[in-house]
Amino acid sequence: MTAVIVIGGGFTGAAVAIGLSRRAQTPLDIAVVEPRVEVGRGVAYSATDRDHRTNALATAHFVTTDDAEGFDRWLRQTGRVERDPEMVAADGGLFPRRSEVGAYACLAFDKHAAGNPSGSRLRHIRSRAISLAQSGVQFRVRLENGKTLIGDLAVITTSNERPRPPAPFATALSGDPRFLVDPWDTVRLREIKMDGRVMLL
């Protein structure tokens, strides 16, 4: 069985794994390396803030190309539109919260892991890849947990890491509690006073 290693299990990694399982002519062993609990969210769709919405219509977010309306339909059929009426634009299009895209991708991955057209095996390796090397015609991926995966094909679908302050600010400000580097840190964002003074760099 051909072994495929997908490094990064955000939305793109999930879509790649699902796409391979649907199009393969013979069963594949597809391992998705992702440190998060679920495959499909990644940085972009792990957002928990209720104000973090997609910047494109729900119909622009699809896991499989043959069902571009799938996410939009899922939102409408599962009562999510009723629970979040603010997602509905004036023309009826949907701009859901980013977390909803993640939930949909997670469900799609789990569904295809349970059964898919090619009979491929989809599995989530909950760790982080720290190195990738080619050895002959195969690829070796060393994981943070000390294990090594060997595959016939490796696909890199990683996203951006958490932001770090640029060099001029790294030493002078990084230790200051008022200096907020990570825009996804909603806990610290909520600590800013409503009448507080904010400078954006």
Protein backbone atom coordinates (compact mmCIF):
# COMPACT_ATOMS: atom_id res chain seq x y z
CA MET A 1 0.00 0.00 0.00
CA THR A 2 1.38 3.41 -0.98
CA ALA A 3 2.08 5.54 2.09
CA VAL A 4 1.41 9.28 2.01
CA ILE A 5 2.49 11.67 4.76
CA VAL A 6 0.63 14.98 4.96
CA ILE A 7 2.55 17.42 7.15
CA GLY A 8 0.09 19.89 8.60
CA GLY A 9 -3.52 19.07 9.38
CA GLY A 10 -5.31 22.37 8.97
CA PHE A 11 -8.00 22.95 6.37
CA THR A 12 -5.61 22.36 3.45
CA GLY A 13 -4.13 19.21 4.96
CA ALA A 14 -7.59 17.79 5.58
CA ALA A 15 -8.69 18.65 2.03
CA VAL A 16 -5.57 17.01 0.55
CA ALA A 17 -6.09 13.82 2.55
CA ILE A 18 -9.77 13.68 1.63
CA GLY A 19 -9.07 14.43 -2.04
CA LEU A 20 -6.47 11.66 -2.25
CA SER A 21 -8.82 9.16 -0.63
CA ARG A 22 -11.54 10.02 -3.14
CA ARG A 23 -9.38 9.98 -6.28
CA ALA A 24 -6.91 7.17 -5.63
CA GLN A 25 -7.16 4.16 -7.92
CA THR A 26 -5.84 1.86 -5.20
CA PRO A 27 -6.00 2.17 -1.39
CA LEU A 28 -3.53 4.57 0.22
CA ASP A 29 -2.19 4.79 3.76
CA ILE A 30 -2.56 8.52 4.49
CA ALA A 31 -1.03 9.84 7.71
CA VAL A 32 -1.80 13.45 8.63
CA VAL A 33 0.71 14.93 11.08
CA GLU A 34 -1.04 17.59 13.15
CA PRO A 35 -0.38 18.51 16.80
CA ARG A 36 -3.91 19.84 17.42
CA VAL A 37 -6.69 17.62 18.74
CA GLU A 38 -8.60 17.76 15.46
CA VAL A 39 -7.67 17.67 11.79
CA GLY A 40 -9.17 20.50 9.74
CA ARG A 41 -8.89 23.61 11.87
CA GLY A 42 -5.28 24.76 11.73
CA VAL A 43 -4.40 28.34 12.65
CA ALA A 44 -7.08 29.94 10.49
CA TYR A 45 -10.10 28.01 11.72
CA SER A 46 -9.16 27.42 15.36
CA ALA A 47 -10.31 30.95 16.12
CA THR A 48 -12.75 30.98 19.02
CA ASP A 49 -13.66 34.66 19.04
CA ARG A 50 -17.28 35.07 17.94
CA ASP A 51 -16.34 38.10 15.84
CA HIS A 52 -13.77 36.21 13.74
CA ARG A 53 -15.69 35.54 10.53
CA THR A 54 -14.75 34.35 7.07
CA ASN A 55 -13.85 37.07 4.58
CA ALA A 56 -15.58 35.20 1.75
CA LEU A 57 -18.95 33.54 1.30
CA ALA A 58 -19.56 30.06 2.66
CA THR A 59 -19.79 28.78 -0.92
CA ALA A 60 -16.12 29.75 -1.40
CA HIS A 61 -15.08 27.31 1.33
CA PHE A 62 -15.34 23.74 0.11
CA VAL A 63 -13.51 20.57 1.04
CA THR A 64 -14.24 18.72 -2.21
CA THR A 65 -14.49 20.36 -5.62
CA ASP A 66 -17.54 18.33 -6.60
CA ASP A 67 -19.60 19.78 -3.75
CA ALA A 68 -18.87 23.50 -3.58
CA GLU A 69 -22.26 24.11 -1.95
CA GLY A 70 -21.65 21.54 0.79
CA PHE A 71 -20.54 23.93 3.54
CA ASP A 72 -23.33 26.42 2.83
CA ARG A 73 -25.89 23.61 2.82
CA TRP A 74 -24.52 22.18 6.09
CA LEU A 75 -24.80 25.57 7.79
CA ARG A 76 -28.44 25.90 6.75
CA GLN A 77 -29.45 22.30 7.50
CA THR A 78 -27.89 22.08 10.97
CA GLY A 79 -29.56 25.16 12.44
CA ARG A 80 -26.40 27.22 12.53
CA VAL A 81 -27.92 30.09 10.60
CA GLU A 82 -30.77 30.35 13.12
CA ARG A 83 -28.29 30.34 16.01
CA ASP A 84 -26.11 32.97 14.33
CA PRO A 85 -28.34 35.20 12.14
CA GLU A 86 -25.56 37.79 11.84
CA MET A 87 -23.82 35.52 9.33
CA VAL A 88 -26.53 36.29 6.76
CA ALA A 89 -25.63 39.11 4.36
CA ALA A 90 -28.20 41.41 2.74
CA ASP A 91 -28.29 39.24 -0.39
CA GLY A 92 -28.76 36.03 1.62
CA GLY A 93 -25.16 34.85 1.34
CA LEU A 94 -23.49 33.47 4.44
CA PHE A 95 -20.37 34.77 6.21
CA PRO A 96 -20.04 32.31 9.11
CA ARG A 97 -17.62 32.36 12.00
CA ARG A 98 -14.22 30.90 11.19
CA SER A 99 -14.73 28.18 13.78
CA GLU A 100 -17.63 26.83 11.69
CA VAL A 101 -15.31 26.19 8.73
CA GLY A 102 -13.04 24.26 11.08
CA ALA A 103 -15.93 22.20 12.44
CA TYR A 104 -17.06 21.34 8.90
CA ALA A 105 -13.55 20.31 7.81
CA CYS A 106 -13.14 18.16 10.93
CA LEU A 107 -16.41 16.35 10.23
CA ALA A 108 -15.46 15.81 6.59
CA PHE A 109 -12.09 14.32 7.58
CA ASP A 110 -13.65 12.02 10.17
CA LYS A 111 -16.30 10.91 7.68
CA HIS A 112 -13.69 9.98 5.06
CA ALA A 113 -11.53 8.29 7.70
CA ALA A 114 -14.51 6.06 8.49
CA GLY A 115 -15.02 5.20 4.83
CA ASN A 116 -14.02 6.56 1.44
CA PRO A 117 -14.30 5.57 -2.26
CA SER A 118 -10.79 4.13 -2.58
CA GLY A 119 -10.78 2.22 0.69
CA SER A 120 -7.80 4.28 1.84
CA ARG A 121 -6.72 4.52 5.45
CA LEU A 122 -6.77 8.05 6.90
CA ARG A 123 -5.18 8.54 10.28
CA HIS A 124 -4.26 11.48 12.47
CA ILE A 125 -0.77 11.44 13.96
CA ARG A 126 -0.95 13.92 16.83
CA SER A 127 2.57 15.28 16.85
CA ARG A 128 4.67 17.87 15.06
CA ALA A 129 7.07 17.17 12.19
CA ILE A 130 10.54 18.46 12.95
CA SER A 131 12.44 17.20 9.90
CA LEU A 132 11.84 15.82 6.41
CA ALA A 133 14.45 14.00 4.38
CA GLN A 134 14.43 11.94 1.22
CA SER A 135 16.01 8.52 1.46
CA GLY A 136 16.18 6.91 -1.98
CA VAL A 137 12.64 6.97 -3.34
CA GLN A 138 11.06 7.34 0.10
CA PHE A 139 10.64 10.16 2.59
CA ARG A 140 11.46 10.09 6.28
CA VAL A 141 9.61 12.45 8.60
CA ARG A 142 10.94 12.75 12.14
CA LEU A 143 8.35 13.70 14.70
CA GLU A 144 8.53 15.71 17.89
CA ASN A 145 7.43 12.63 19.87
CA GLY A 146 10.59 10.80 18.77
CA LYS A 147 8.98 8.56 16.16
CA THR A 148 9.76 8.47 12.44
CA LEU A 149 7.29 8.04 9.59
CA ILE A 150 8.34 6.60 6.24
CA GLY A 151 6.29 7.37 3.16
CA ASP A 152 6.33 7.12 -0.60
CA LEU A 153 5.03 10.68 -0.91
CA ALA A 154 5.19 13.69 1.41
CA VAL A 155 2.90 16.69 1.12
CA ILE A 156 3.66 19.88 3.08
CA THR A 157 0.54 21.83 4.03
CA THR A 158 1.84 23.83 6.98
CA SER A 159 0.67 27.31 7.81
CA ASN A 160 2.27 30.25 9.55
CA GLU A 161 3.67 29.76 13.01
CA ARG A 162 2.57 32.01 15.83
CA PRO A 163 3.96 35.52 15.25
CA ARG A 164 7.21 36.68 16.88
CA PRO A 165 8.30 40.27 17.34
CA PRO A 166 10.70 41.60 14.68
CA ALA A 167 14.32 42.12 15.69
CA PRO A 168 14.10 45.80 16.74
CA PHE A 169 11.37 44.99 19.27
CA ALA A 170 12.35 41.48 20.33
CA THR A 171 14.66 42.52 23.16
CA ALA A 172 13.38 45.94 24.18
CA LEU A 173 9.65 45.18 24.38
CA SER A 174 9.12 41.42 24.38
CA GLY A 175 9.04 41.25 28.17
CA ASP A 176 6.67 44.17 28.62
CA PRO A 177 3.13 42.99 29.54
CA ARG A 178 1.67 45.81 27.43
CA PHE A 179 3.32 44.50 24.25
CA LEU A 180 0.93 42.09 22.49
CA VAL A 181 2.56 40.08 19.71
CA ASP A 182 -0.12 37.51 18.95
CA PRO A 183 -3.37 38.90 17.47
CA TRP A 184 -5.05 35.54 18.15
CA ASP A 185 -4.46 35.89 21.90
CA THR A 186 -8.08 36.74 22.68
CA VAL A 187 -7.54 36.48 26.45
CA ARG A 188 -5.02 39.33 26.45
CA LEU A 189 -7.04 41.31 23.90
CA ARG A 190 -10.00 41.27 26.29
CA GLU A 191 -7.78 42.73 29.02
CA ILE A 192 -7.44 45.99 27.08
CA LYS A 193 -9.64 48.62 28.69
CA MET A 194 -12.46 50.05 26.60
CA ASP A 195 -10.99 53.53 27.04
CA GLY A 196 -7.40 52.33 26.78
CA ARG A 197 -4.91 53.87 24.38
CA VAL A 198 -3.65 51.44 21.74
CA MET A 199 -0.78 51.79 19.26
CA LEU A 200 -0.62 49.46 16.26
CA LEU A 201 2.82 48.73 14.78
